[in-house]
Structures are given as C-alpha cells and as structure tokens.
C-alpha cells in the first residue's frame, strides 16, 4: 500500500472500549499530544503495516522535536 496522504479530517461516531480510550489518553498526556491524533496515526500506520510500538516511538520523537 502506498503512503497515505494527509487529508481533511472527517467527524465520525465510533464505539471504542473505554479502556482503550483511557490508554490513548495516557499515552497522549505523556507526549503532550492529542489522543484523537494518536488514534488517527495508529490507524494510518496499521494500514501501512507499521506496529503500534513503531507509531508511538515515532510520535513521541516528533512531539519532542516540536517542543525543542
């Protein structure tokens, strides 16, 4: 699958376990990011075949670069 282009976001309604949302919020808080953006990134990388660990690592690195 070729790289996914960043596009305009679309508001949707989706049911996700409360415990999953809570974990994304915790991860987002530790990086100073937004949990919805993190979920979006995880879904995108899943489609590209990247692991959750890779996504979280890259997202944290990007957030640290922004804060510097």
N, C-alpha and C. Protein backbone atom coordinates (compact mmCIF):
# COMPACT_ATOMS: atom_id res chain seq x y z
N UNK A 1 0.85 -1.17 0.00
CA UNK A 1 0.00 0.00 0.00
C UNK A 1 0.90 1.23 0.00
N UNK A 2 0.62 2.18 -0.86
CA UNK A 2 1.46 3.38 -0.90
C UNK A 2 1.11 4.33 0.24
N UNK A 3 2.00 5.27 0.49
CA UNK A 3 1.83 6.20 1.60
C UNK A 3 0.48 6.90 1.54
N UNK A 4 -0.11 7.06 2.70
CA UNK A 4 -1.39 7.74 2.79
C UNK A 4 -1.15 9.24 2.89
N UNK A 5 -1.87 9.99 2.11
CA UNK A 5 -1.75 11.45 2.12
C UNK A 5 -2.56 12.03 3.27
N UNK A 6 -2.02 13.04 3.92
CA UNK A 6 -2.79 13.75 4.94
C UNK A 6 -3.91 14.50 4.24
N UNK A 7 -5.11 14.31 4.73
CA UNK A 7 -6.26 14.96 4.11
C UNK A 7 -7.09 15.64 5.19
N UNK A 8 -8.12 16.30 4.75
CA UNK A 8 -9.03 16.94 5.69
C UNK A 8 -9.65 15.87 6.58
N UNK A 9 -9.80 16.19 7.84
CA UNK A 9 -10.39 15.24 8.79
C UNK A 9 -11.91 15.24 8.65
N UNK A 10 -12.49 14.10 8.98
CA UNK A 10 -13.95 13.96 8.95
C UNK A 10 -14.43 13.54 10.33
N UNK A 11 -15.45 14.21 10.82
CA UNK A 11 -16.03 13.86 12.11
C UNK A 11 -16.88 12.61 11.93
N UNK A 12 -16.62 11.61 12.79
CA UNK A 12 -17.40 10.36 12.74
C UNK A 12 -17.81 9.98 14.15
N UNK A 13 -18.71 9.03 14.24
CA UNK A 13 -19.07 8.43 15.52
C UNK A 13 -18.60 6.98 15.47
N UNK A 14 -17.83 6.60 16.48
CA UNK A 14 -17.30 5.24 16.53
C UNK A 14 -17.32 4.76 17.98
N UNK A 15 -17.60 3.51 18.18
CA UNK A 15 -17.63 2.95 19.53
C UNK A 15 -16.29 2.24 19.78
N UNK A 16 -15.60 2.71 20.81
CA UNK A 16 -14.31 2.14 21.19
C UNK A 16 -14.38 1.88 22.69
N UNK A 17 -13.83 0.77 23.14
CA UNK A 17 -13.82 0.44 24.56
C UNK A 17 -13.27 1.60 25.38
N UNK A 18 -13.90 1.85 26.53
CA UNK A 18 -13.44 2.93 27.41
C UNK A 18 -11.99 2.72 27.83
N UNK A 19 -11.61 1.47 28.06
CA UNK A 19 -10.24 1.20 28.49
C UNK A 19 -9.22 1.54 27.39
N UNK A 20 -9.62 1.36 26.14
CA UNK A 20 -8.73 1.70 25.02
C UNK A 20 -8.56 3.21 24.94
N UNK A 21 -9.66 3.93 25.04
CA UNK A 21 -9.61 5.40 25.00
C UNK A 21 -8.74 5.91 26.16
N UNK A 22 -8.92 5.32 27.34
CA UNK A 22 -8.14 5.74 28.51
C UNK A 22 -6.65 5.55 28.25
N UNK A 23 -6.27 4.45 27.64
CA UNK A 23 -4.85 4.20 27.37
C UNK A 23 -4.30 5.20 26.35
N UNK A 24 -5.09 5.52 25.33
CA UNK A 24 -4.64 6.51 24.35
C UNK A 24 -4.49 7.89 25.02
N UNK A 25 -5.39 8.21 25.93
CA UNK A 25 -5.30 9.50 26.64
C UNK A 25 -4.03 9.56 27.49
N UNK A 26 -3.70 8.45 28.15
CA UNK A 26 -2.48 8.40 28.95
C UNK A 26 -1.26 8.58 28.07
N UNK A 27 -1.21 7.85 26.95
CA UNK A 27 -0.07 7.98 26.04
C UNK A 27 0.04 9.40 25.48
N UNK A 28 -1.09 9.98 25.16
CA UNK A 28 -1.09 11.35 24.63
C UNK A 28 -0.62 12.35 25.69
N UNK A 29 -1.04 12.15 26.93
CA UNK A 29 -0.61 13.04 28.01
C UNK A 29 0.90 12.98 28.21
N UNK A 30 1.48 11.80 28.09
CA UNK A 30 2.93 11.67 28.31
C UNK A 30 3.73 12.33 27.19
N UNK A 31 3.11 12.50 26.04
CA UNK A 31 3.82 13.14 24.92
C UNK A 31 3.37 14.58 24.71
N UNK A 32 2.35 14.99 25.44
CA UNK A 32 1.83 16.34 25.25
C UNK A 32 0.99 16.47 24.00
N UNK A 33 0.58 15.34 23.44
CA UNK A 33 -0.19 15.35 22.21
C UNK A 33 -1.68 15.23 22.47
N UNK A 34 -2.40 14.87 21.42
CA UNK A 34 -3.85 14.75 21.45
C UNK A 34 -4.19 13.29 21.21
N UNK A 35 -5.05 12.71 22.04
CA UNK A 35 -5.35 11.29 21.91
C UNK A 35 -6.04 10.95 20.58
N UNK A 36 -6.86 11.88 20.07
CA UNK A 36 -7.53 11.61 18.80
C UNK A 36 -6.52 11.57 17.66
N UNK A 37 -5.54 12.45 17.70
CA UNK A 37 -4.49 12.44 16.68
C UNK A 37 -3.67 11.16 16.76
N UNK A 38 -3.43 10.71 18.00
CA UNK A 38 -2.68 9.46 18.18
C UNK A 38 -3.46 8.28 17.61
N UNK A 39 -4.75 8.23 17.87
CA UNK A 39 -5.59 7.15 17.30
C UNK A 39 -5.54 7.21 15.78
N UNK A 40 -5.66 8.41 15.22
CA UNK A 40 -5.61 8.58 13.77
C UNK A 40 -4.29 8.05 13.22
N UNK A 41 -3.19 8.39 13.90
CA UNK A 41 -1.87 7.96 13.45
C UNK A 41 -1.72 6.44 13.54
N UNK A 42 -2.23 5.85 14.61
CA UNK A 42 -2.17 4.39 14.77
C UNK A 42 -2.95 3.70 13.65
N UNK A 43 -4.14 4.21 13.35
CA UNK A 43 -4.94 3.61 12.27
C UNK A 43 -4.23 3.74 10.92
N UNK A 44 -3.64 4.91 10.67
CA UNK A 44 -2.91 5.13 9.42
C UNK A 44 -1.74 4.16 9.30
N UNK A 45 -0.97 4.05 10.37
CA UNK A 45 0.20 3.19 10.33
C UNK A 45 -0.19 1.70 10.26
N UNK A 46 -1.31 1.35 10.85
CA UNK A 46 -1.81 -0.02 10.74
C UNK A 46 -2.04 -0.36 9.26
N UNK A 47 -2.64 0.59 8.56
CA UNK A 47 -2.89 0.37 7.13
C UNK A 47 -1.59 0.25 6.34
N UNK A 48 -0.55 0.90 6.84
CA UNK A 48 0.76 0.84 6.17
C UNK A 48 1.60 -0.34 6.67
N UNK A 49 1.11 -1.05 7.68
CA UNK A 49 1.81 -2.22 8.18
C UNK A 49 2.82 -1.94 9.28
N UNK A 50 2.76 -0.76 9.89
CA UNK A 50 3.69 -0.40 10.95
C UNK A 50 3.10 -0.81 12.31
N UNK A 51 3.94 -1.22 13.25
CA UNK A 51 3.44 -1.66 14.55
C UNK A 51 3.08 -0.49 15.44
N UNK A 52 2.25 -0.76 16.44
CA UNK A 52 1.87 0.27 17.41
C UNK A 52 3.10 0.82 18.11
N UNK A 53 4.03 -0.05 18.44
CA UNK A 53 5.26 0.39 19.10
C UNK A 53 6.02 1.37 18.22
N UNK A 54 6.12 1.09 16.92
CA UNK A 54 6.79 1.99 15.99
C UNK A 54 6.08 3.34 15.93
N UNK A 55 4.75 3.30 15.90
CA UNK A 55 3.96 4.53 15.81
C UNK A 55 4.15 5.38 17.06
N UNK A 56 4.06 4.76 18.23
CA UNK A 56 4.21 5.51 19.48
C UNK A 56 5.61 6.09 19.57
N UNK A 57 6.62 5.30 19.22
CA UNK A 57 8.00 5.78 19.26
C UNK A 57 8.19 6.99 18.34
N UNK A 58 7.70 6.90 17.12
CA UNK A 58 7.84 7.99 16.15
C UNK A 58 7.06 9.23 16.60
N UNK A 59 5.86 9.02 17.12
CA UNK A 59 5.04 10.13 17.59
C UNK A 59 5.72 10.86 18.74
N UNK A 60 6.28 10.11 19.67
CA UNK A 60 6.99 10.73 20.80
C UNK A 60 8.19 11.52 20.29
N UNK A 61 8.93 10.95 19.37
CA UNK A 61 10.09 11.65 18.81
C UNK A 61 9.65 12.95 18.12
N UNK A 62 8.56 12.92 17.39
CA UNK A 62 8.07 14.12 16.71
C UNK A 62 7.64 15.17 17.73
N UNK A 63 6.95 14.74 18.77
CA UNK A 63 6.49 15.67 19.81
C UNK A 63 7.68 16.30 20.52
N UNK A 64 8.71 15.52 20.80
CA UNK A 64 9.90 16.07 21.45
C UNK A 64 10.60 17.10 20.56
N UNK A 65 10.63 16.85 19.27
CA UNK A 65 11.24 17.81 18.34
C UNK A 65 10.46 19.11 18.30
N UNK A 66 9.15 19.03 18.35
CA UNK A 66 8.29 20.22 18.32
C UNK A 66 8.53 21.07 19.56
N UNK A 67 8.72 20.44 20.70
CA UNK A 67 8.87 21.16 21.98
C UNK A 67 10.26 21.80 22.11
N UNK A 68 11.22 21.40 21.31
CA UNK A 68 12.58 21.95 21.42
C UNK A 68 12.74 23.25 20.72
